[in-house]
PDB file of N, CA and C in Angstrom:
ATOM      1  N   UNK A   1     -35.467  63.009  18.639  1.00  0.00           N
ATOM      2  CA  UNK A   1     -34.962  62.733  18.056  1.00  0.00           C
ATOM      3  C   UNK A   1     -34.910  63.132  16.097  1.00  0.00           C
ATOM      4  N   UNK A   2     -34.266  63.423  15.808  1.00  0.00           N
ATOM      5  CA  UNK A   2     -34.062  63.504  14.330  1.00  0.00           C
ATOM      6  C   UNK A   2     -33.511  62.278  13.909  1.00  0.00           C
ATOM      7  N   UNK A   3     -33.724  61.895  12.335  1.00  0.00           N
ATOM      8  CA  UNK A   3     -33.606  60.846  11.796  1.00  0.00           C
ATOM      9  C   UNK A   3     -32.315  60.952  11.094  1.00  0.00           C
ATOM     10  N   UNK A   4     -31.380  60.486  11.174  1.00  0.00           N
ATOM     11  CA  UNK A   4     -29.890  60.414  10.371  1.00  0.00           C
ATOM     12  C   UNK A   4     -30.149  60.327   9.049  1.00  0.00           C
ATOM     13  N   UNK A   5     -29.623  61.547   8.270  1.00  0.00           N
ATOM     14  CA  UNK A   5     -29.590  61.850   6.858  1.00  0.00           C
ATOM     15  C   UNK A   5     -28.663  60.316   6.196  1.00  0.00           C
ATOM     16  N   UNK A   6     -29.323  59.719   5.497  1.00  0.00           N
ATOM     17  CA  UNK A   6     -28.440  58.660   4.344  1.00  0.00           C
ATOM     18  C   UNK A   6     -28.017  59.367   2.938  1.00  0.00           C
ATOM     19  N   UNK A   7     -27.305  58.298   3.203  1.00  0.00           N
ATOM     20  CA  UNK A   7     -25.986  58.599   1.591  1.00  0.00           C
ATOM     21  C   UNK A   7     -27.102  58.270   0.528  1.00  0.00           C
ATOM     22  N   UNK A   8     -26.819  59.282  -0.644  1.00  0.00           N
ATOM     23  CA  UNK A   8     -27.849  59.098  -2.129  1.00  0.00           C
ATOM     24  C   UNK A   8     -27.108  57.200  -2.425  1.00  0.00           C
ATOM     25  N   UNK A   9     -27.761  56.207  -2.666  1.00  0.00           N
ATOM     26  CA  UNK A   9     -27.187  55.075  -3.200  1.00  0.00           C
ATOM     27  C   UNK A   9     -26.859  55.623  -5.010  1.00  0.00           C
ATOM     28  N   UNK A  10     -27.913  56.114  -5.021  1.00  0.00           N
ATOM     29  CA  UNK A  10     -27.942  56.457  -6.934  1.00  0.00           C
ATOM     30  C   UNK A  10     -26.711  57.054  -7.743  1.00  0.00           C
ATOM     31  N   UNK A  11     -25.962  56.623  -8.805  1.00  0.00           N
ATOM     32  CA  UNK A  11     -24.972  57.410  -9.688  1.00  0.00           C
ATOM     33  C   UNK A  11     -25.391  58.582  -9.406  1.00  0.00           C
ATOM     34  N   UNK A  12     -23.861  59.468  -9.703  1.00  0.00           N
ATOM     35  CA  UNK A  12     -24.475  60.839  -9.945  1.00  0.00           C
ATOM     36  C   UNK A  12     -24.744  61.209 -11.012  1.00  0.00           C
ATOM     37  N   UNK A  13     -25.893  62.207 -11.287  1.00  0.00           N
ATOM     38  CA  UNK A  13     -25.881  62.809 -13.046  1.00  0.00           C
ATOM     39  C   UNK A  13     -25.300  63.349 -13.160  1.00  0.00           C
ATOM     40  N   UNK A  14     -25.147  63.452 -15.052  1.00  0.00           N
ATOM     41  CA  UNK A  14     -24.208  64.537 -15.106  1.00  0.00           C
ATOM     42  C   UNK A  14     -24.649  65.348 -15.205  1.00  0.00           C
ATOM     43  N   UNK A  15     -23.776  66.505 -15.175  1.00  0.00           N
ATOM     44  CA  UNK A  15     -24.674  67.925 -15.383  1.00  0.00           C
ATOM     45  C   UNK A  15     -24.686  68.793 -16.470  1.00  0.00           C
ATOM     46  N   UNK A  16     -25.603  69.195 -17.187  1.00  0.00           N
ATOM     47  CA  UNK A  16     -26.973  69.711 -16.901  1.00  0.00           C
ATOM     48  C   UNK A  16     -27.752  67.901 -16.970  1.00  0.00           C
ATOM     49  N   UNK A  17     -28.329  67.639 -16.278  1.00  0.00           N
ATOM     50  CA  UNK A  17     -29.109  66.556 -16.054  1.00  0.00           C
ATOM     51  C   UNK A  17     -29.439  66.279 -17.484  1.00  0.00           C
ATOM     52  N   UNK A  18     -29.396  65.289 -17.936  1.00  0.00           N
ATOM     53  CA  UNK A  18     -29.982  64.537 -19.066  1.00  0.00           C
ATOM     54  C   UNK A  18     -31.861  64.577 -18.996  1.00  0.00           C
ATOM     55  N   UNK A  19     -32.217  63.965 -17.868  1.00  0.00           N
ATOM     56  CA  UNK A  19     -33.487  64.152 -17.731  1.00  0.00           C
ATOM     57  C   UNK A  19     -34.275  65.541 -17.385  1.00  0.00           C
ATOM     58  N   UNK A  20     -33.716  66.146 -16.863  1.00  0.00           N
ATOM     59  CA  UNK A  20     -33.896  67.381 -16.730  1.00  0.00           C
ATOM     60  C   UNK A  20     -34.298  68.376 -18.460  1.00  0.00           C
ATOM     61  N   UNK A  21     -33.424  68.032 -19.161  1.00  0.00           N
ATOM     62  CA  UNK A  21     -32.968  68.650 -20.572  1.00  0.00           C
ATOM     63  C   UNK A  21     -34.583  67.939 -21.259  1.00  0.00           C
ATOM     64  N   UNK A  22     -34.515  66.805 -21.141  1.00  0.00           N
ATOM     65  CA  UNK A  22     -35.336  66.167 -21.905  1.00  0.00           C
ATOM     66  C   UNK A  22     -36.669  66.634 -21.648  1.00  0.00           C
ATOM     67  N   UNK A  23     -36.813  66.995 -20.686  1.00  0.00           N
ATOM     68  CA  UNK A  23     -38.341  67.376 -19.868  1.00  0.00           C
ATOM     69  C   UNK A  23     -38.558  68.434 -20.099  1.00  0.00           C
ATOM     70  N   UNK A  24     -37.425  69.415 -20.169  1.00  0.00           N
ATOM     71  CA  UNK A  24     -37.862  70.358 -21.028  1.00  0.00           C
ATOM     72  C   UNK A  24     -38.853  70.523 -21.619  1.00  0.00           C
ATOM     73  N   UNK A  25     -38.457  69.533 -22.989  1.00  0.00           N
ATOM     74  CA  UNK A  25     -38.867  70.206 -24.217  1.00  0.00           C
ATOM     75  C   UNK A  25     -40.278  68.860 -24.254  1.00  0.00           C
ATOM     76  N   UNK A  26     -40.311  67.937 -23.224  1.00  0.00           N
ATOM     77  CA  UNK A  26     -41.474  67.450 -23.884  1.00  0.00           C
ATOM     78  C   UNK A  26     -42.407  67.618 -22.410  1.00  0.00           C
ATOM     79  N   UNK A  27     -41.903  68.191 -21.326  1.00  0.00           N
ATOM     80  CA  UNK A  27     -42.919  68.601 -20.517  1.00  0.00           C
ATOM     81  C   UNK A  27     -43.880  70.175 -20.783  1.00  0.00           C
ATOM     82  N   UNK A  28     -44.178  70.312 -21.151  1.00  0.00           N
ATOM     83  CA  UNK A  28     -44.769  71.705 -21.616  1.00  0.00           C
ATOM     84  C   UNK A  28     -46.382  71.218 -21.788  1.00  0.00           C
ATOM     85  N   UNK A  29     -47.671  72.227 -21.291  1.00  0.00           N
ATOM     86  CA  UNK A  29     -49.243  71.075 -21.949  1.00  0.00           C
ATOM     87  C   UNK A  29     -49.375  71.398 -22.749  1.00  0.00           C
ATOM     88  N   UNK A  30     -50.223  69.441 -23.572  1.00  0.00           N
ATOM     89  CA  UNK A  30     -49.959  69.169 -24.184  1.00  0.00           C
ATOM     90  C   UNK A  30     -49.030  68.704 -25.152  1.00  0.00           C
ATOM     91  N   UNK A  31     -47.829  69.051 -24.742  1.00  0.00           N
ATOM     92  CA  UNK A  31     -46.703  68.660 -25.677  1.00  0.00           C
ATOM     93  C   UNK A  31     -46.733  67.232 -26.167  1.00  0.00           C
ATOM     94  N   UNK A  32     -46.708  66.941 -25.605  1.00  0.00           N
ATOM     95  CA  UNK A  32     -46.795  64.979 -25.097  1.00  0.00           C
ATOM     96  C   UNK A  32     -48.110  64.539 -26.668  1.00  0.00           C
ATOM     97  N   UNK A  33     -49.333  65.461 -25.993  1.00  0.00           N
ATOM     98  CA  UNK A  33     -50.337  64.669 -27.024  1.00  0.00           C
ATOM     99  C   UNK A  33     -50.058  65.089 -28.573  1.00  0.00           C
ATOM    100  N   UNK A  34     -49.388  66.438 -28.514  1.00  0.00           N
ATOM    101  CA  UNK A  34     -49.027  66.962 -30.024  1.00  0.00           C
ATOM    102  C   UNK A  34     -47.946  65.666 -30.678  1.00  0.00           C
ATOM    103  N   UNK A  35     -46.737  65.980 -30.173  1.00  0.00           N
ATOM    104  CA  UNK A  35     -45.869  64.744 -30.126  1.00  0.00           C
ATOM    105  C   UNK A  35     -46.714  63.079 -30.852  1.00  0.00           C
ATOM    106  N   UNK A  36     -47.268  63.179 -30.025  1.00  0.00           N
ATOM    107  CA  UNK A  36     -47.792  61.833 -29.844  1.00  0.00           C
ATOM    108  C   UNK A  36     -49.168  61.266 -31.380  1.00  0.00           C
ATOM    109  N   UNK A  37     -49.766  63.112 -31.705  1.00  0.00           N
ATOM    110  CA  UNK A  37     -50.459  62.921 -33.030  1.00  0.00           C
ATOM    111  C   UNK A  37     -49.811  63.136 -33.885  1.00  0.00           C
ATOM    112  N   UNK A  38     -48.198  63.825 -34.115  1.00  0.00           N
ATOM    113  CA  UNK A  38     -47.399  63.791 -35.216  1.00  0.00           C
ATOM    114  C   UNK A  38     -46.754  62.800 -35.542  1.00  0.00           C
ATOM    115  N   UNK A  39     -46.735  61.723 -34.902  1.00  0.00           N
ATOM    116  CA  UNK A  39     -45.467  60.522 -35.113  1.00  0.00           C
ATOM    117  C   UNK A  39     -46.583  59.665 -36.539  1.00  0.00           C
ATOM    118  N   UNK A  40     -47.544  60.023 -36.543  1.00  0.00           N
ATOM    119  CA  UNK A  40     -48.292  59.327 -37.526  1.00  0.00           C
ATOM    120  C   UNK A  40     -48.322  59.753 -38.868  1.00  0.00           C
ATOM    121  N   UNK A  41     -47.591  60.935 -39.119  1.00  0.00           N
ATOM    122  CA  UNK A  41     -47.181  61.625 -40.133  1.00  0.00           C
ATOM    123  C   UNK A  41     -47.943  63.025 -40.609  1.00  0.00           C
ATOM    124  N   UNK A  42     -47.594  64.145 -41.356  1.00  0.00           N
ATOM    125  CA  UNK A  42     -47.851  65.518 -41.250  1.00  0.00           C
ATOM    126  C   UNK A  42     -49.015  65.814 -40.411  1.00  0.00           C
ATOM    127  N   UNK A  43     -49.546  66.649 -39.763  1.00  0.00           N
ATOM    128  CA  UNK A  43     -51.152  66.899 -39.307  1.00  0.00           C
ATOM    129  C   UNK A  43     -51.250  68.838 -39.681  1.00  0.00           C
ATOM    130  N   UNK A  44     -52.413  69.011 -40.167  1.00  0.00           N
ATOM    131  CA  UNK A  44     -52.112  70.496 -40.415  1.00  0.00           C
ATOM    132  C   UNK A  44     -52.432  70.940 -38.888  1.00  0.00           C
ATOM    133  N   UNK A  45     -52.983  72.550 -38.807  1.00  0.00           N
ATOM    134  CA  UNK A  45     -53.416  72.588 -37.395  1.00  0.00           C
ATOM    135  C   UNK A  45     -54.806  72.965 -37.146  1.00  0.00           C
ATOM    136  N   UNK A  46     -55.728  72.788 -37.952  1.00  0.00           N
ATOM    137  CA  UNK A  46     -57.015  72.274 -38.002  1.00  0.00           C
ATOM    138  C   UNK A  46     -57.274  70.437 -37.894  1.00  0.00           C
ATOM    139  N   UNK A  47     -56.463  70.290 -37.966  1.00  0.00           N
ATOM    140  CA  UNK A  47     -56.289  68.535 -37.547  1.00  0.00           C
ATOM    141  C   UNK A  47     -55.991  68.004 -36.048  1.00  0.00           C
ATOM    142  N   UNK A  48     -55.040  68.928 -35.968  1.00  0.00           N
ATOM    143  CA  UNK A  48     -53.936  68.824 -34.217  1.00  0.00           C
ATOM    144  C   UNK A  48     -54.976  69.480 -33.716  1.00  0.00           C
ATOM    145  N   UNK A  49     -55.737  70.755 -33.765  1.00  0.00           N
ATOM    146  CA  UNK A  49     -57.109  70.795 -32.665  1.00  0.00           C
ATOM    147  C   UNK A  49     -58.368  70.120 -32.695  1.00  0.00           C
ATOM    148  N   UNK A  50     -58.103  69.459 -33.699  1.00  0.00           N
ATOM    149  CA  UNK A  50     -58.938  67.942 -33.593  1.00  0.00           C
ATOM    150  C   UNK A  50     -59.552  66.928 -33.236  1.00  0.00           C
ATOM    151  N   UNK A  51     -57.528  66.689 -33.146  1.00  0.00           N
ATOM    152  CA  UNK A  51     -56.924  65.544 -32.650  1.00  0.00           C
ATOM    153  C   UNK A  51     -57.170  65.888 -30.778  1.00  0.00           C
ATOM    154  N   UNK A  52     -56.571  66.554 -30.696  1.00  0.00           N
ATOM    155  CA  UNK A  52     -56.454  66.753 -28.859  1.00  0.00           C
ATOM    156  C   UNK A  52     -57.533  68.159 -28.490  1.00  0.00           C
ATOM    157  N   UNK A  53     -58.968  67.816 -29.075  1.00  0.00           N
ATOM    158  CA  UNK A  53     -59.857  68.762 -28.356  1.00  0.00           C
ATOM    159  C   UNK A  53     -60.230  69.668 -27.790  1.00  0.00           C
ATOM    160  N   UNK A  54     -59.354  69.266 -26.141  1.00  0.00           N
ATOM    161  CA  UNK A  54     -59.267  69.904 -24.818  1.00  0.00           C
ATOM    162  C   UNK A  54     -58.811  71.134 -24.733  1.00  0.00           C
ATOM    163  N   UNK A  55     -57.748  70.951 -26.202  1.00  0.00           N
ATOM    164  CA  UNK A  55     -56.216  72.390 -25.831  1.00  0.00           C
ATOM    165  C   UNK A  55     -56.998  73.608 -26.738  1.00  0.00           C
ATOM    166  N   UNK A  56     -56.859  74.878 -26.540  1.00  0.00           N
ATOM    167  CA  UNK A  56     -57.440  76.025 -27.037  1.00  0.00           C
ATOM    168  C   UNK A  56     -56.492  76.378 -28.205  1.00  0.00           C
ATOM    169  N   UNK A  57     -57.095  77.381 -28.959  1.00  0.00           N
ATOM    170  CA  UNK A  57     -56.147  77.099 -30.238  1.00  0.00           C
ATOM    171  C   UNK A  57     -54.609  77.952 -29.752  1.00  0.00           C
ATOM    172  N   UNK A  58     -55.061  79.048 -29.175  1.00  0.00           N
ATOM    173  CA  UNK A  58     -54.234  79.844 -28.258  1.00  0.00           C
ATOM    174  C   UNK A  58     -52.735  79.155 -27.589  1.00  0.00           C
ATOM    175  N   UNK A  59     -53.269  77.879 -26.916  1.00  0.00           N
ATOM    176  CA  UNK A  59     -52.140  77.253 -26.338  1.00  0.00           C
ATOM    177  C   UNK A  59     -51.680  76.244 -27.400  1.00  0.00           C
ATOM    178  N   UNK A  60     -52.253  75.905 -28.285  1.00  0.00           N
ATOM    179  CA  UNK A  60     -51.402  75.001 -29.704  1.00  0.00           C
ATOM    180  C   UNK A  60     -50.506  75.559 -30.809  1.00  0.00           C
ATOM    181  N   UNK A  61     -51.043  77.037 -30.235  1.00  0.00           N
ATOM    182  CA  UNK A  61     -50.269  77.444 -31.582  1.00  0.00           C
ATOM    183  C   UNK A  61     -49.165  78.060 -30.289  1.00  0.00           C
ATOM    184  N   UNK A  62     -48.683  78.001 -29.196  1.00  0.00           N
ATOM    185  CA  UNK A  62     -47.809  77.975 -28.632  1.00  0.00           C
ATOM    186  C   UNK A  62     -46.846  77.498 -28.553  1.00  0.00           C
ATOM    187  N   UNK A  63     -47.405  76.164 -28.081  1.00  0.00           N
ATOM    188  CA  UNK A  63     -46.775  74.614 -28.215  1.00  0.00           C
ATOM    189  C   UNK A  63     -46.015  74.449 -29.402  1.00  0.00           C
ATOM    190  N   UNK A  64     -46.807  74.718 -30.563  1.00  0.00           N
ATOM    191  CA  UNK A  64     -46.276  74.242 -32.161  1.00  0.00           C
ATOM    192  C   UNK A  64     -45.246  75.220 -31.986  1.00  0.00           C
ATOM    193  N   UNK A  65     -45.145  76.895 -31.611  1.00  0.00           N
ATOM    194  CA  UNK A  65     -44.301  77.692 -32.221  1.00  0.00           C
ATOM    195  C   UNK A  65     -43.251  77.037 -31.573  1.00  0.00           C
ATOM    196  N   UNK A  66     -43.100  76.561 -29.928  1.00  0.00           N
ATOM    197  CA  UNK A  66     -42.012  76.586 -28.861  1.00  0.00           C
ATOM    198  C   UNK A  66     -41.447  75.302 -29.741  1.00  0.00           C
ATOM    199  N   UNK A  67     -42.068  74.216 -30.396  1.00  0.00           N
ATOM    200  CA  UNK A  67     -41.668  73.122 -30.405  1.00  0.00           C
ATOM    201  C   UNK A  67     -40.803  73.178 -31.857  1.00  0.00           C
ATOM    202  N   UNK A  68     -41.166  74.492 -33.051  1.00  0.00           N
ATOM    203  CA  UNK A  68     -40.601  74.203 -34.004  1.00  0.00           C
ATOM    204  C   UNK A  68     -39.433  75.313 -33.365  1.00  0.00           C
ATOM    205  N   UNK A  69     -39.297  75.983 -32.689  1.00  0.00           N
ATOM    206  CA  UNK A  69     -38.183  76.695 -32.265  1.00  0.00           C
ATOM    207  C   UNK A  69     -37.221  75.532 -31.263  1.00  0.00           C
ATOM    208  N   UNK A  70     -37.220  74.316 -31.177  1.00  0.00           N
ATOM    209  CA  UNK A  70     -36.670  73.263 -30.509  1.00  0.00           C
ATOM    210  C   UNK A  70     -36.007  72.193 -31.614  1.00  0.00           C
ATOM    211  N   UNK A  71     -36.260  72.728 -32.592  1.00  0.00           N
ATOM    212  CA  UNK A  71     -35.950  71.624 -33.869  1.00  0.00           C
ATOM    213  C   UNK A  71     -36.912  70.239 -33.479  1.00  0.00           C
ATOM    214  N   UNK A  72     -37.931  70.385 -32.725  1.00  0.00           N
ATOM    215  CA  UNK A  72     -38.867  69.325 -32.602  1.00  0.00           C
ATOM    216  C   UNK A  72     -39.855  69.118 -33.628  1.00  0.00           C
ATOM    217  N   UNK A  73     -39.882  69.929 -33.856  1.00  0.00           N
ATOM    218  CA  UNK A  73     -40.756  69.735 -35.799  1.00  0.00           C
ATOM    219  C   UNK A  73     -40.858  70.696 -36.448  1.00  0.00           C
ATOM    220  N   UNK A  74     -41.459  70.977 -37.696  1.00  0.00           N
ATOM    221  CA  UNK A  74     -41.001  71.737 -38.888  1.00  0.00           C
ATOM    222  C   UNK A  74     -42.438  71.551 -39.265  1.00  0.00           C
ATOM    223  N   UNK A  75     -42.232  73.505 -39.686  1.00  0.00           N
ATOM    224  CA  UNK A  75     -43.372  73.863 -40.176  1.00  0.00           C
ATOM    225  C   UNK A  75     -43.242  73.718 -41.799  1.00  0.00           C
ATOM    226  N   UNK A  76     -44.134  73.645 -42.455  1.00  0.00           N
ATOM    227  CA  UNK A  76     -43.814  73.814 -43.947  1.00  0.00           C
ATOM    228  C   UNK A  76     -45.583  74.213 -44.145  1.00  0.00           C
ATOM    229  N   UNK A  77     -44.809  75.350 -44.607  1.00  0.00           N
ATOM    230  CA  UNK A  77     -45.885  76.514 -45.925  1.00  0.00           C
ATOM    231  C   UNK A  77     -45.813  75.139 -47.350  1.00  0.00           C
ATOM    232  N   UNK A  78     -47.308  74.538 -47.453  1.00  0.00           N
ATOM    233  CA  UNK A  78     -47.790  74.593 -48.654  1.00  0.00           C
ATOM    234  C   UNK A  78     -48.182  75.603 -49.647  1.00  0.00           C
ATOM    235  N   UNK A  79     -47.603  75.547 -50.831  1.00  0.00           N
ATOM    236  CA  UNK A  79     -48.055  76.472 -51.747  1.00  0.00           C
ATOM    237  C   UNK A  79     -49.621  76.077 -52.311  1.00  0.00           C
ATOM    238  N   UNK A  80     -50.630  76.044 -52.159  1.00  0.00           N
ATOM    239  CA  UNK A  80     -52.122  75.793 -52.235  1.00  0.00           C
ATOM    240  C   UNK A  80     -52.398  77.647 -52.093  1.00  0.00           C
ATOM    241  N   UNK A  81     -54.205  77.109 -52.789  1.00  0.00           N
ATOM    242  CA  UNK A  81     -54.371  78.574 -52.694  1.00  0.00           C
ATOM    243  C   UNK A  81     -55.612  77.998 -51.548  1.00  0.00           C
ATOM    244  N   UNK A  82     -56.152  78.849 -50.749  1.00  0.00           N
ATOM    245  CA  UNK A  82     -55.287  79.451 -49.581  1.00  0.00           C
ATOM    246  C   UNK A  82     -53.777  78.887 -49.165  1.00  0.00           C
ATOM    247  N   UNK A  83     -53.013  79.118 -48.732  1.00  0.00           N
ATOM    248  CA  UNK A  83     -51.929  78.607 -48.192  1.00  0.00           C
ATOM    249  C   UNK A  83     -52.005  77.224 -47.156  1.00  0.00           C
ATOM    250  N   UNK A  84     -51.739  76.505 -47.220  1.00  0.00           N
ATOM    251  CA  UNK A  84     -52.011  76.009 -45.925  1.00  0.00           C
ATOM    252  C   UNK A  84     -50.702  75.713 -45.282  1.00  0.00           C
ATOM    253  N   UNK A  85     -50.256  75.029 -44.205  1.00  0.00           N
ATOM    254  CA  UNK A  85     -49.171  74.706 -42.956  1.00  0.00           C
ATOM    255  C   UNK A  85     -49.549  73.270 -42.251  1.00  0.00           C
ATOM    256  N   UNK A  86     -48.379  72.116 -43.011  1.00  0.00           N
ATOM    257  CA  UNK A  86     -48.606  71.577 -41.685  1.00  0.00           C
ATOM    258  C   UNK A  86     -46.901  70.945 -41.153  1.00  0.00           C
ATOM    259  N   UNK A  87     -47.381  70.223 -40.196  1.00  0.00           N
ATOM    260  CA  UNK A  87     -46.499  70.117 -38.941  1.00  0.00           C
ATOM    261  C   UNK A  87     -46.177  68.340 -39.147  1.00  0.00           C
ATOM    262  N   UNK A  88     -44.796  68.170 -39.344  1.00  0.00           N
ATOM    263  CA  UNK A  88     -44.145  66.695 -39.043  1.00  0.00           C
ATOM    264  C   UNK A  88     -43.342  66.853 -38.028  1.00  0.00           C
ATOM    265  N   UNK A  89     -42.862  65.518 -37.537  1.00  0.00           N
ATOM    266  CA  UNK A  89     -41.697  65.846 -36.238  1.00  0.00           C
ATOM    267  C   UNK A  89     -40.542  65.502 -37.292  1.00  0.00           C
ATOM    268  N   UNK A  90     -39.924  66.264 -36.638  1.00  0.00           N
ATOM    269  CA  UNK A  90     -38.262  66.478 -37.005  1.00  0.00           C
ATOM    270  C   UNK A  90     -37.603  65.096 -36.928  1.00  0.00           C
ATOM    271  N   UNK A  91     -36.440  65.276 -37.017  1.00  0.00           N
ATOM    272  CA  UNK A  91     -35.127  63.452 -37.069  1.00  0.00           C
ATOM    273  C   UNK A  91     -35.478  64.267 -35.729  1.00  0.00           C
ATOM    274  N   UNK A  92     -35.025  64.777 -34.489  1.00  0.00           N
ATOM    275  CA  UNK A  92     -35.176  64.885 -33.536  1.00  0.00           C
ATOM    276  C   UNK A  92     -36.203  64.369 -32.859  1.00  0.00           C
ATOM    277  N   UNK A  93     -37.391  65.300 -33.284  1.00  0.00           N
ATOM    278  CA  UNK A  93     -38.916  64.965 -32.739  1.00  0.00           C
ATOM    279  C   UNK A  93     -38.837  63.718 -33.083  1.00  0.00           C
ATOM    280  N   UNK A  94     -39.056  62.743 -33.753  1.00  0.00           N
ATOM    281  CA  UNK A  94     -38.953  61.157 -34.178  1.00  0.00           C
ATOM    282  C   UNK A  94     -37.798  60.456 -33.017  1.00  0.00           C
ATOM    283  N   UNK A  95     -36.883  61.216 -32.519  1.00  0.00           N
ATOM    284  CA  UNK A  95     -36.071  60.431 -31.579  1.00  0.00           C
ATOM    285  C   UNK A  95     -37.170  60.359 -30.059  1.00  0.00           C
ATOM    286  N   UNK A  96     -38.133  61.480 -29.439  1.00  0.00           N
ATOM    287  CA  UNK A  96     -38.448  61.531 -28.689  1.00  0.00           C
ATOM    288  C   UNK A  96     -39.630  60.633 -28.660  1.00  0.00           C
ATOM    289  N   UNK A  97     -40.087  59.635 -29.319  1.00  0.00           N
ATOM    290  CA  UNK A  97     -41.368  59.382 -29.539  1.00  0.00           C
ATOM    291  C   UNK A  97     -40.932  57.987 -28.635  1.00  0.00           C
ATOM    292  N   UNK A  98     -40.180  57.242 -28.966  1.00  0.00           N
ATOM    293  CA  UNK A  98     -39.964  56.053 -27.633  1.00  0.00           C
ATOM    294  C   UNK A  98     -40.126  56.605 -26.353  1.00  0.00           C
ATOM    295  N   UNK A  99     -40.187  57.673 -25.448  1.00  0.00           N
ATOM    296  CA  UNK A  99     -40.123  57.906 -24.781  1.00  0.00           C
ATOM    297  C   UNK A  99     -41.441  58.644 -24.431  1.00  0.00           C
ATOM    298  N   UNK A 100     -42.030  59.485 -25.666  1.00  0.00           N
ATOM    299  CA  UNK A 100     -43.755  59.112 -25.271  1.00  0.00           C
ATOM    300  C   UNK A 100     -44.242  57.783 -25.330  1.00  0.00           C
ATOM    301  N   UNK A 101     -43.911  57.082 -25.935  1.00  0.00           N
ATOM    302  CA  UNK A 101     -45.105  55.529 -25.675  1.00  0.00           C
ATOM    303  C   UNK A 101     -44.693  54.977 -24.129  1.00  0.00           C
ATOM    304  N   UNK A 102     -43.203  55.073 -24.099  1.00  0.00           N
ATOM    305  CA  UNK A 102     -42.510  54.283 -22.569  1.00  0.00           C
ATOM    306  C   UNK A 102     -44.003  55.272 -21.412  1.00  0.00           C
ATOM    307  N   UNK A 103     -43.672  56.519 -21.253  1.00  0.00           N
ATOM    308  CA  UNK A 103     -45.075  57.097 -20.257  1.00  0.00           C
ATOM    309  C   UNK A 103     -46.058  56.473 -20.852  1.00  0.00           C
ATOM    310  N   UNK A 104     -46.481  56.269 -22.012  1.00  0.00           N
ATOM    311  CA  UNK A 104     -48.365  56.200 -22.151  1.00  0.00           C
ATOM    312  C   UNK A 104     -48.279  54.686 -21.476  1.00  0.00           C
ATOM    313  N   UNK A 105     -47.223  53.956 -22.326  1.00  0.00           N
ATOM    314  CA  UNK A 105     -47.558  52.596 -21.208  1.00  0.00           C
ATOM    315  C   UNK A 105     -47.785  53.250 -19.602  1.00  0.00           C
ATOM    316  N   UNK A 106     -46.846  53.679 -18.990  1.00  0.00           N
ATOM    317  CA  UNK A 106     -47.020  53.507 -17.422  1.00  0.00           C
ATOM    318  C   UNK A 106     -48.554  54.340 -17.468  1.00  0.00           C
ATOM    319  N   UNK A 107     -48.957  55.079 -18.056  1.00  0.00           N
ATOM    320  CA  UNK A 107     -50.179  55.810 -17.690  1.00  0.00           C
ATOM    321  C   UNK A 107     -51.345  54.537 -18.091  1.00  0.00           C
ATOM    322  N   UNK A 108     -51.031  53.519 -19.004  1.00  0.00           N
ATOM    323  CA  UNK A 108     -52.040  52.808 -19.419  1.00  0.00           C
ATOM    324  C   UNK A 108     -52.054  52.090 -18.230  1.00  0.00           C
ATOM    325  N   UNK A 109     -50.855  51.123 -17.359  1.00  0.00           N
ATOM    326  CA  UNK A 109     -51.065  50.592 -16.189  1.00  0.00           C
ATOM    327  C   UNK A 109     -51.607  51.437 -15.197  1.00  0.00           C
ATOM    328  N   UNK A 110     -50.998  52.743 -14.485  1.00  0.00           N
ATOM    329  CA  UNK A 110     -51.877  53.074 -13.915  1.00  0.00           C
ATOM    330  C   UNK A 110     -53.303  53.013 -13.964  1.00  0.00           C
ATOM    331  N   UNK A 111     -54.012  53.722 -15.530  1.00  0.00           N
ATOM    332  CA  UNK A 111     -54.830  53.320 -15.232  1.00  0.00           C
ATOM    333  C   UNK A 111     -56.418  52.014 -14.967  1.00  0.00           C
ATOM    334  N   UNK A 112     -55.415  50.897 -14.930  1.00  0.00           N
ATOM    335  CA  UNK A 112     -55.820  49.833 -15.567  1.00  0.00           C
ATOM    336  C   UNK A 112     -55.966  49.787 -13.986  1.00  0.00           C
ATOM    337  N   UNK A 113     -54.914  49.855 -12.809  1.00  0.00           N
ATOM    338  CA  UNK A 113     -54.840  49.695 -11.192  1.00  0.00           C
ATOM    339  C   UNK A 113     -56.466  50.179 -10.683  1.00  0.00           C
ATOM    340  N   UNK A 114     -55.987  52.036 -11.626  1.00  0.00           N
ATOM    341  CA  UNK A 114     -57.125  52.666 -10.198  1.00  0.00           C
ATOM    342  C   UNK A 114     -58.286  51.825 -10.761  1.00  0.00           C
ATOM    343  N   UNK A 115     -58.807  51.769 -11.837  1.00  0.00           N
ATOM    344  CA  UNK A 115     -59.699  50.863 -12.268  1.00  0.00           C
ATOM    345  C   UNK A 115     -60.212  49.897 -11.829  1.00  0.00           C
ATOM    346  N   UNK A 116     -59.251  48.977 -11.309  1.00  0.00           N
ATOM    347  CA  UNK A 116     -59.216  47.846 -10.229  1.00  0.00           C
ATOM    348  C   UNK A 116     -58.912  47.962  -8.646  1.00  0.00           C
ATOM    349  N   UNK A 117     -59.203  49.323  -8.678  1.00  0.00           N
ATOM    350  CA  UNK A 117     -58.314  49.558  -6.801  1.00  0.00           C
ATOM    351  C   UNK A 117     -57.376  49.365  -6.647  1.00  0.00           C
ATOM    352  N   UNK A 118     -56.292  49.211  -6.980  1.00  0.00           N
ATOM    353  CA  UNK A 118     -55.093  48.402  -5.848  1.00  0.00           C
ATOM    354  C   UNK A 118     -53.947  49.593  -6.847  1.00  0.00           C
ATOM    355  N   UNK A 119     -52.713  49.575  -6.144  1.00  0.00           N
ATOM    356  CA  UNK A 119     -51.996  50.071  -6.528  1.00  0.00           C
ATOM    357  C   UNK A 119     -51.397  49.838  -7.896  1.00  0.00           C
ATOM    358  N   UNK A 120     -50.662  50.505  -8.521  1.00  0.00           N
ATOM    359  CA  UNK A 120     -49.779  50.064  -9.904  1.00  0.00           C
ATOM    360  C   UNK A 120     -48.919  49.347  -9.854  1.00  0.00           C
ATOM    361  N   UNK A 121     -48.816  47.747  -9.994  1.00  0.00           N
ATOM    362  CA  UNK A 121     -47.712  46.953 -10.316  1.00  0.00           C
ATOM    363  C   UNK A 121     -47.020  47.390 -11.532  1.00  0.00           C
ATOM    364  N   UNK A 122     -45.956  47.619 -11.777  1.00  0.00           N
ATOM    365  CA  UNK A 122     -45.074  48.590 -12.314  1.00  0.00           C
ATOM    366  C   UNK A 122     -43.853  47.510 -12.687  1.00  0.00           C
ATOM    367  N   UNK A 123     -43.521  46.456 -13.265  1.00  0.00           N
ATOM    368  CA  UNK A 123     -43.008  45.874 -13.560  1.00  0.00           C
ATOM    369  C   UNK A 123     -42.645  46.358 -15.244  1.00  0.00           C
TER     370      UNK A 123
END
């Protein structure tokens, strides 16, 4: 006997879904790590590469370009010899930091619960 389909009690989400829109920006590989490391101020490519040692140069370059295109970060060429480039969060990028911090807080709870071998208590 098939189970009866229950009605979804969640309020309907607006279209397009705001969660989907946000995840399109912060959901890319290494994107949360980039935002996390830029929240402290401008960083050069080599500094970000050092901050996120497991990311390849190609992927980091791709993510930085995508985030610049989406107006999440600002790429500034400094008039030095040789020229250097700094990346910093735009005003829009700064608005994403609380979401990244909330995700990190849940991640810490999950890590603690795994360490203690029980299901995370998300309060």
